[in-house]
Protein backbone atom coordinates (compact mmCIF):
# COMPACT_ATOMS: atom_id res chain seq x y z
CA UNK A 1 56.30 -40.14 0.74
CA UNK A 2 59.85 -39.94 1.95
CA UNK A 3 60.71 -39.16 5.60
CA UNK A 4 63.85 -37.03 6.10
CA UNK A 5 66.48 -38.76 8.10
CA UNK A 6 68.07 -35.78 9.51
CA UNK A 7 68.80 -32.15 8.69
CA UNK A 8 72.01 -33.01 6.82
CA UNK A 9 69.76 -33.93 3.86
CA UNK A 10 69.01 -30.34 3.40
CA UNK A 11 72.50 -30.04 1.88
CA UNK A 12 72.89 -30.59 -1.89
CA UNK A 13 73.38 -34.25 -2.74
CA UNK A 14 73.49 -35.09 -6.50
CA UNK A 15 73.36 -38.82 -5.74
CA UNK A 16 70.17 -38.79 -3.75
CA UNK A 17 67.60 -40.75 -5.78
CA UNK A 18 64.35 -38.77 -4.94
CA UNK A 19 63.48 -35.39 -3.93
CA UNK A 20 63.75 -33.67 -0.56
CA UNK A 21 60.90 -34.04 1.74
CA UNK A 22 59.45 -33.25 5.08
CA UNK A 23 61.23 -32.94 8.49
CA UNK A 24 62.05 -36.01 10.36
CA UNK A 25 58.98 -38.10 11.30
CA UNK A 26 56.47 -35.82 9.51
CA UNK A 27 54.28 -36.53 6.62
CA UNK A 28 53.67 -33.48 4.51
CA UNK A 29 50.03 -32.64 3.24
CA UNK A 30 50.39 -28.93 2.75
CA UNK A 31 51.56 -28.75 -0.85
CA UNK A 32 49.13 -26.02 -1.66
CA UNK A 33 51.05 -23.72 0.56
CA UNK A 34 54.53 -24.76 -0.74
CA UNK A 35 55.66 -27.96 -2.36
CA UNK A 36 59.10 -29.34 -1.46
CA UNK A 37 61.77 -28.91 -4.21
CA UNK A 38 61.75 -31.74 -6.72
CA UNK A 39 64.89 -33.47 -7.90
CA UNK A 40 64.88 -32.00 -11.48
CA UNK A 41 64.52 -28.48 -9.99
CA UNK A 42 67.27 -28.99 -7.70
CA UNK A 43 69.52 -30.29 -10.40
CA UNK A 44 68.76 -27.45 -12.70
CA UNK A 45 69.32 -25.00 -9.94
CA UNK A 46 72.75 -26.50 -8.95
CA UNK A 47 73.81 -26.56 -12.71
CA UNK A 48 72.76 -23.03 -13.23
CA UNK A 49 74.63 -21.55 -10.28
CA UNK A 50 77.89 -23.23 -11.56
CA UNK A 51 77.30 -22.30 -15.15
CA UNK A 52 75.53 -19.15 -15.46
CA UNK A 53 77.37 -16.76 -12.92
CA UNK A 54 77.03 -13.49 -14.86
CA UNK A 55 74.30 -10.99 -14.71
CA UNK A 56 71.97 -11.41 -17.71
CA UNK A 57 72.05 -7.58 -18.52
CA UNK A 58 75.89 -7.54 -18.62
CA UNK A 59 77.55 -7.11 -21.95
CA UNK A 60 80.42 -9.67 -21.65
CA UNK A 61 80.19 -13.39 -22.57
CA UNK A 62 79.09 -14.51 -19.23
CA UNK A 63 76.24 -12.18 -19.15
CA UNK A 64 75.27 -13.37 -22.70
CA UNK A 65 75.31 -16.93 -21.67
CA UNK A 66 72.93 -16.14 -18.67
CA UNK A 67 70.69 -14.17 -21.07
CA UNK A 68 70.65 -16.93 -23.64
CA UNK A 69 69.69 -19.44 -20.81
CA UNK A 70 66.71 -17.12 -19.89
CA UNK A 71 65.71 -17.03 -23.51
CA UNK A 72 65.54 -20.79 -23.73
CA UNK A 73 63.47 -20.97 -20.55
CA UNK A 74 61.21 -18.34 -21.78
CA UNK A 75 60.54 -20.38 -24.89
CA UNK A 76 59.85 -23.55 -23.04
CA UNK A 77 57.31 -21.92 -20.68
CA UNK A 78 55.65 -20.14 -23.52
CA UNK A 79 55.35 -23.36 -25.42
CA UNK A 80 53.76 -24.90 -22.32
CA UNK A 81 51.23 -22.16 -21.96
CA UNK A 82 50.61 -21.66 -25.74
CA UNK A 83 51.72 -18.04 -26.04
CA UNK A 84 54.45 -15.85 -27.57
CA UNK A 85 57.87 -16.13 -25.62
CA UNK A 86 57.86 -12.25 -25.62
CA UNK A 87 54.86 -12.13 -23.34
CA UNK A 88 56.57 -13.92 -20.48
CA UNK A 89 58.02 -11.60 -17.69
CA UNK A 90 60.05 -13.19 -14.81
CA UNK A 91 59.00 -12.17 -11.34
CA UNK A 92 59.66 -13.13 -7.66
CA UNK A 93 56.27 -14.99 -7.52
CA UNK A 94 52.50 -14.86 -7.91
CA UNK A 95 52.11 -12.15 -5.31
CA UNK A 96 54.24 -9.70 -7.27
CA UNK A 97 52.76 -10.88 -10.66
CA UNK A 98 49.18 -10.32 -9.43
CA UNK A 99 50.05 -6.89 -7.90
CA UNK A 100 51.65 -5.97 -11.32
CA UNK A 101 48.49 -6.71 -13.14
CA UNK A 102 46.32 -4.73 -10.87
CA UNK A 103 48.78 -1.79 -10.81
CA UNK A 104 48.77 -1.92 -14.66
CA UNK A 105 45.04 -1.23 -14.69
CA UNK A 106 44.92 1.25 -11.89
CA UNK A 107 42.85 4.33 -12.68
CA UNK A 108 41.19 2.77 -15.72
CA UNK A 109 37.59 2.12 -14.34
CA UNK A 110 36.31 -0.70 -12.34
CA UNK A 111 37.90 -4.00 -11.39
CA UNK A 112 35.82 -7.09 -11.33
CA UNK A 113 37.32 -10.18 -9.49
CA UNK A 114 35.82 -13.17 -7.96
CA UNK A 115 35.11 -13.12 -4.28
CA UNK A 116 37.48 -16.23 -3.61
CA UNK A 117 40.64 -14.84 -5.11
CA UNK A 118 43.85 -14.95 -3.22
CA UNK A 119 44.41 -12.19 -0.65
CA UNK A 120 47.28 -10.70 -2.79
CA UNK A 121 44.62 -10.00 -5.44
CA UNK A 122 41.76 -8.99 -3.17
CA UNK A 123 43.83 -6.64 -0.95
CA UNK A 124 45.55 -5.09 -3.97
CA UNK A 125 42.29 -4.37 -5.59
CA UNK A 126 40.86 -2.79 -2.40
CA UNK A 127 43.90 -0.51 -2.10
CA UNK A 128 44.22 0.50 -5.81
CA UNK A 129 40.42 0.36 -6.85
CA UNK A 130 38.95 1.71 -3.68
CA UNK A 131 35.27 2.14 -4.26
CA UNK A 132 35.62 1.00 -7.91
CA UNK A 133 35.55 -2.77 -7.69
CA UNK A 134 32.98 -5.45 -7.78
CA UNK A 135 33.13 -8.99 -6.36
CA UNK A 136 31.95 -11.78 -8.58
CA UNK A 137 29.99 -14.38 -6.39
CA UNK A 138 30.47 -18.02 -6.21
CA UNK A 139 27.81 -20.78 -5.71
CA UNK A 140 27.66 -23.04 -2.61
CA UNK A 141 30.15 -25.33 -4.23
CA UNK A 142 32.60 -22.53 -4.60
CA UNK A 143 32.39 -22.18 -8.26
CA UNK A 144 32.32 -18.51 -9.80
CA UNK A 145 28.87 -17.68 -11.15
CA UNK A 146 29.46 -17.41 -14.85
CA UNK A 147 25.82 -16.18 -15.31
CA UNK A 148 26.58 -13.09 -13.23
CA UNK A 149 29.34 -12.14 -15.55
CA UNK A 150 27.07 -12.58 -18.50
CA UNK A 151 24.47 -10.35 -16.94
CA UNK A 152 26.91 -7.73 -15.79
CA UNK A 153 28.41 -7.50 -19.35
CA UNK A 154 25.01 -6.30 -20.67
CA UNK A 155 25.14 -3.10 -18.46
CA UNK A 156 28.75 -2.14 -18.23
CA UNK A 157 32.36 -3.02 -18.95
CA UNK A 158 35.23 -3.14 -16.34
CA UNK A 159 39.02 -2.33 -16.80
CA UNK A 160 39.59 -6.11 -16.43
CA UNK A 161 38.02 -9.18 -15.02
CA UNK A 162 40.03 -11.42 -12.69
CA UNK A 163 39.44 -15.17 -11.88
CA UNK A 164 41.76 -17.77 -10.52
CA UNK A 165 42.01 -21.16 -12.20
CA UNK A 166 41.69 -23.35 -9.08
CA UNK A 167 40.96 -22.22 -5.49
CA UNK A 168 43.90 -22.67 -3.09
CA UNK A 169 41.69 -23.54 -0.14
CA UNK A 170 39.12 -25.85 -1.53
CA UNK A 171 40.73 -27.09 -4.84
CA UNK A 172 37.64 -26.26 -6.73
CA UNK A 173 38.37 -25.56 -10.48
CA UNK A 174 36.83 -22.38 -11.78
CA UNK A 175 35.43 -21.70 -15.27
CA UNK A 176 38.38 -19.65 -16.39
CA UNK A 177 38.12 -20.76 -20.08
CA UNK A 178 34.46 -19.67 -20.16
CA UNK A 179 35.15 -16.41 -18.48
CA UNK A 180 38.13 -15.70 -20.83
CA UNK A 181 35.89 -16.43 -23.82
CA UNK A 182 33.29 -14.04 -22.51
CA UNK A 183 35.91 -11.41 -21.88
CA UNK A 184 37.23 -11.62 -25.42
CA UNK A 185 33.66 -11.32 -26.71
CA UNK A 186 33.19 -8.07 -24.94
CA UNK A 187 36.74 -6.77 -25.46
CA UNK A 188 37.62 -6.93 -21.78
CA UNK A 189 41.14 -8.07 -20.61
CA UNK A 190 41.08 -11.27 -18.66
CA UNK A 191 43.47 -12.06 -15.82
CA UNK A 192 43.97 -15.61 -14.53
CA UNK A 193 45.89 -16.58 -11.35
CA UNK A 194 47.05 -19.98 -12.23
CA UNK A 195 49.36 -20.64 -9.16
CA UNK A 196 47.35 -23.68 -8.06
CA UNK A 197 46.59 -25.03 -11.41
CA UNK A 198 50.20 -25.18 -12.88
CA UNK A 199 52.05 -28.31 -12.33
CA UNK A 200 48.85 -30.30 -11.36
CA UNK A 201 46.77 -29.90 -14.54
CA UNK A 202 47.52 -29.33 -18.33
CA UNK A 203 48.77 -25.78 -18.77
CA UNK A 204 47.77 -25.60 -22.43
CA UNK A 205 45.20 -22.97 -23.18
CA UNK A 206 46.33 -20.70 -20.38
CA UNK A 207 48.19 -18.61 -22.85
CA UNK A 208 44.90 -17.46 -24.33
CA UNK A 209 44.27 -15.41 -21.23
CA UNK A 210 45.56 -11.77 -21.49
CA UNK A 211 47.33 -12.12 -18.18
CA UNK A 212 48.42 -15.27 -16.32
CA UNK A 213 50.48 -15.48 -13.02
CA UNK A 214 52.13 -18.40 -11.51
CA UNK A 215 55.00 -19.27 -8.99
CA UNK A 216 57.44 -22.14 -8.82
CA UNK A 217 57.04 -23.37 -5.25
CA UNK A 218 53.57 -24.62 -5.85
CA UNK A 219 54.83 -27.31 -8.11
CA UNK A 220 58.16 -28.35 -6.80
CA UNK A 221 60.26 -25.38 -7.89
CA UNK A 222 62.12 -23.05 -5.63
CA UNK A 223 60.60 -20.33 -3.53
CA UNK A 224 60.87 -16.66 -4.60
CA UNK A 225 60.39 -17.02 -8.39
CA UNK A 226 57.47 -16.72 -10.62
CA UNK A 227 56.29 -15.28 -13.90
CA UNK A 228 53.62 -13.11 -15.54
CA UNK A 229 52.23 -13.71 -19.03
CA UNK A 230 51.24 -10.21 -20.20
CA UNK A 231 51.02 -8.00 -23.19
CA UNK A 232 54.22 -6.52 -24.56
CA UNK A 233 53.17 -2.99 -23.24
CA UNK A 234 52.90 -3.20 -19.47
CA UNK A 235 52.96 -0.60 -16.85
CA UNK A 236 55.69 -1.95 -14.47
CA UNK A 237 55.21 -2.27 -10.66
CA UNK A 238 59.10 -2.07 -10.15
CA UNK A 239 61.24 0.65 -11.64
CA UNK A 240 64.94 1.05 -11.85
CA UNK A 241 66.30 -0.91 -14.66
CA UNK A 242 65.61 -2.07 -18.33
CA UNK A 243 65.19 -5.75 -17.59
CA UNK A 244 62.42 -7.67 -19.26
CA UNK A 245 62.00 -5.21 -21.95
CA UNK A 246 61.30 -2.37 -19.32
CA UNK A 247 58.50 -4.36 -17.72
CA UNK A 248 60.08 -5.41 -14.50
CA UNK A 249 63.19 -3.79 -13.13
CA UNK A 250 65.74 -5.97 -11.27
CA UNK A 251 68.31 -8.68 -11.96
CA UNK A 252 66.70 -11.93 -13.10
CA UNK A 253 67.08 -14.93 -10.81
CA UNK A 254 68.55 -17.17 -13.56
CA UNK A 255 68.95 -20.31 -11.44
CA UNK A 256 65.44 -20.03 -9.95
CA UNK A 257 63.96 -19.54 -13.31
CA UNK A 258 65.66 -22.47 -14.88
CA UNK A 259 64.74 -24.56 -11.79
CA UNK A 260 61.07 -23.45 -12.17
CA UNK A 261 60.89 -24.47 -15.73
CA UNK A 262 62.46 -27.83 -15.07
CA UNK A 263 60.01 -28.45 -12.26
CA UNK A 264 57.02 -27.72 -14.57
CA UNK A 265 58.42 -29.88 -17.25
CA UNK A 266 58.83 -32.86 -14.77
CA UNK A 267 55.37 -32.41 -13.42
CA UNK A 268 53.65 -32.21 -16.81
CA UNK A 269 55.51 -35.41 -17.81
CA UNK A 270 54.09 -37.36 -14.78
CA UNK A 271 50.72 -37.73 -16.21
CA UNK A 272 49.14 -39.72 -13.27
CA UNK A 273 46.41 -37.37 -12.27
CA UNK A 274 43.66 -39.95 -12.77
CA UNK A 275 45.24 -42.32 -10.32
CA UNK A 276 45.77 -39.55 -7.84
CA UNK A 277 42.05 -38.59 -7.97
CA UNK A 278 41.24 -42.13 -6.94
CA UNK A 279 43.59 -41.81 -3.94
CA UNK A 280 41.90 -38.63 -2.88
CA UNK A 281 38.35 -40.06 -3.39
CA UNK A 282 39.39 -43.18 -1.22
CA UNK A 283 40.58 -40.95 1.56
CA UNK A 284 37.42 -38.84 1.54
CA UNK A 285 35.19 -41.95 1.78
CA UNK A 286 37.34 -43.30 4.69
CA UNK A 287 37.22 -39.81 6.35
CA UNK A 288 33.37 -39.62 6.15
CA UNK A 289 33.19 -43.08 8.00
CA UNK A 290 35.05 -41.45 10.84
CA UNK A 291 32.15 -39.39 12.02
CA UNK A 292 28.80 -38.23 10.61
CA UNK A 293 29.96 -34.65 11.35
CA UNK A 294 32.59 -34.83 8.46
CA UNK A 295 31.71 -32.97 5.24
CA UNK A 296 33.78 -32.37 2.16
CA UNK A 297 33.81 -28.81 0.92
CA UNK A 298 33.20 -28.79 -2.81
CA UNK A 299 32.08 -32.43 -3.10
CA UNK A 300 30.56 -33.33 -6.38
CA UNK A 301 32.47 -30.45 -8.20
CA UNK A 302 35.54 -30.75 -10.13
CA UNK A 303 38.46 -30.07 -7.92
CA UNK A 304 42.31 -30.45 -7.92
CA UNK A 305 43.30 -34.08 -7.57
CA UNK A 306 45.49 -33.29 -4.53
CA UNK A 307 43.14 -31.15 -2.38
CA UNK A 308 40.66 -32.30 0.31
CA UNK A 309 38.97 -29.50 2.30
CA UNK A 310 36.93 -30.96 5.02
CA UNK A 311 34.65 -30.00 7.90
CA UNK A 312 35.87 -32.00 10.74
CA UNK A 313 33.92 -33.35 13.77
CA UNK A 314 33.24 -30.75 16.41
CA UNK A 315 35.62 -30.59 19.16
CA UNK A 316 36.80 -27.84 21.53
CA UNK A 317 38.38 -25.18 19.38
CA UNK A 318 41.12 -24.59 21.93
CA UNK A 319 42.47 -28.10 21.02
CA UNK A 320 42.93 -27.27 17.38
CA UNK A 321 42.91 -30.11 14.79
CA UNK A 322 46.04 -28.88 13.04
CA UNK A 323 48.04 -28.57 16.28
CA UNK A 324 47.10 -31.99 17.32
CA UNK A 325 47.86 -33.57 14.01
CA UNK A 326 51.20 -31.69 13.98
CA UNK A 327 52.25 -33.19 17.23
CA UNK A 328 51.26 -36.65 15.73
CA UNK A 329 53.51 -36.09 12.78
CA UNK A 330 51.29 -34.78 10.11
CA UNK A 331 51.56 -31.30 8.60
CA UNK A 332 48.22 -30.18 7.35
CA UNK A 333 46.56 -26.59 6.99
CA UNK A 334 43.27 -24.98 8.17
CA UNK A 335 40.97 -22.75 6.36
CA UNK A 336 40.52 -20.71 9.50
CA UNK A 337 42.03 -19.67 12.80
CA UNK A 338 41.08 -20.07 16.45
CA UNK A 339 42.81 -17.58 18.51
CA UNK A 340 42.06 -16.09 21.95
CA UNK A 341 38.74 -17.96 21.87
CA UNK A 342 37.57 -16.19 18.72
CA UNK A 343 36.62 -18.16 15.76
CA UNK A 344 36.99 -16.63 12.39
CA UNK A 345 36.35 -18.22 8.85
CA UNK A 346 38.28 -17.49 5.65
CA UNK A 347 36.78 -15.24 2.98
CA UNK A 348 36.53 -18.20 0.70
CA UNK A 349 34.43 -20.32 3.01
CA UNK A 350 32.27 -17.24 3.90
CA UNK A 351 31.53 -16.66 0.22
CA UNK A 352 30.44 -20.28 0.01
CA UNK A 353 28.22 -19.89 2.97
CA UNK A 354 30.04 -22.52 4.95
CA UNK A 355 28.74 -22.16 8.54
CA UNK A 356 31.19 -24.72 9.91
CA UNK A 357 34.28 -22.89 8.79
CA UNK A 358 36.14 -23.03 12.15
CA UNK A 359 36.44 -26.83 11.87
CA UNK A 360 37.69 -26.95 8.23
CA UNK A 361 41.04 -28.59 7.50
CA UNK A 362 42.78 -28.69 4.21
CA UNK A 363 44.78 -31.76 2.99
CA UNK A 364 46.89 -31.15 -0.02
CA UNK A 365 49.18 -33.99 -1.39
CA UNK A 366 51.90 -34.07 -3.94
CA UNK A 367 52.91 -36.06 -6.92
CA UNK A 368 55.04 -38.46 -4.74
CA UNK A 369 52.27 -38.90 -2.03
CA UNK A 370 51.19 -42.65 -1.87
CA UNK A 371 48.15 -44.52 -0.88
CA UNK A 372 50.18 -45.49 2.18
CA UNK A 373 50.77 -41.90 3.18
CA UNK A 374 47.11 -41.22 2.87
CA UNK A 375 46.29 -44.34 4.98
CA UNK A 376 48.68 -43.06 7.61
CA UNK A 377 46.95 -39.64 7.68
CA UNK A 378 43.67 -41.37 8.28
CA UNK A 379 45.16 -43.24 11.18
CA UNK A 380 46.48 -40.03 12.56
CA UNK A 381 43.10 -38.35 12.17
CA UNK A 382 41.44 -41.21 14.05
CA UNK A 383 44.10 -40.91 16.88
CA UNK A 384 43.55 -37.22 16.95
CA UNK A 385 39.84 -37.57 17.05
CA UNK A 386 39.98 -40.05 19.90
CA UNK A 387 42.23 -37.96 21.93
CA UNK A 388 40.21 -34.65 21.39
CA UNK A 389 36.94 -36.25 22.19
CA UNK A 390 38.44 -37.78 25.28
CA UNK A 391 39.22 -34.31 26.55
């Protein structure tokens, strides 16, 4: 992984050979939160802001050029997902897309969503389906109980079923294909949040879901742009314009959309997932040797190749692992927060019955992360552990 020399590298430079990465002297292991902009996305964005200056809804030639560029991008994304280009709606990201889906079904019965969905899904359901939703449980490995869904369908039908493709905290892959097939069998719309899946695993087959959401910044595209695959008839979340065939008002982010599609194309062409799994597994083996107290969340279950969610050795919570590693030059994430002496676990870990949630760290790598980067992270964890236990 590259180390950024100084802040001047934030400025556009067409001659830089690789992509922009973390701040000076920091190794970045928080790609599930946001992945740095990759070179193809940056090039596409710079090209688009130069060539497509018009509003895609304007009637003049510059507007028509921007609209044509959006059409090409729509066709590329649809081909990747395996769906009709007309079912793609551009949005500001997965949060907007997910809220749009839930708003679309508001007032039509019950909502059934997994208990490990992203907060933008769970909170929206709680607000718009107050008293009319059911949470689908997961097992101790963090996998949605498909048997629960089979049993529930024998008794009733919801307005829709929602299940993410891969969990953002644990990386555990969900049975979205099986759930989608069950929903089709029972005539129930199926919604899949694919934000963490896209750009890491093949996107083919996602187009069979009735609704699919995604966002660019999870796979090397720019922040603030995403999409929703949905039926042609959709109740919009945003009103005030005819854009996206009346399904989403507001001027489309042409440069961001073209950069997002370029990033996804680049990621899907990489094709090194198997090798990346080996790097992750090697890191986990070494991490377990650090201390008997280390436990890998979701071990033995199919997970994203880039994600390690680990219960770390027990130390004083006031000396947080994430803070100590940050000071040592490693950007990682935590599945819980320790504030004012109060320890709280995330809803995902609680759903899995993880009793050690306050000590869980998430390490999420990118396509450019090397074995050397993982090894450096291990050295950093050893140093942090030594310093924390010494206290």
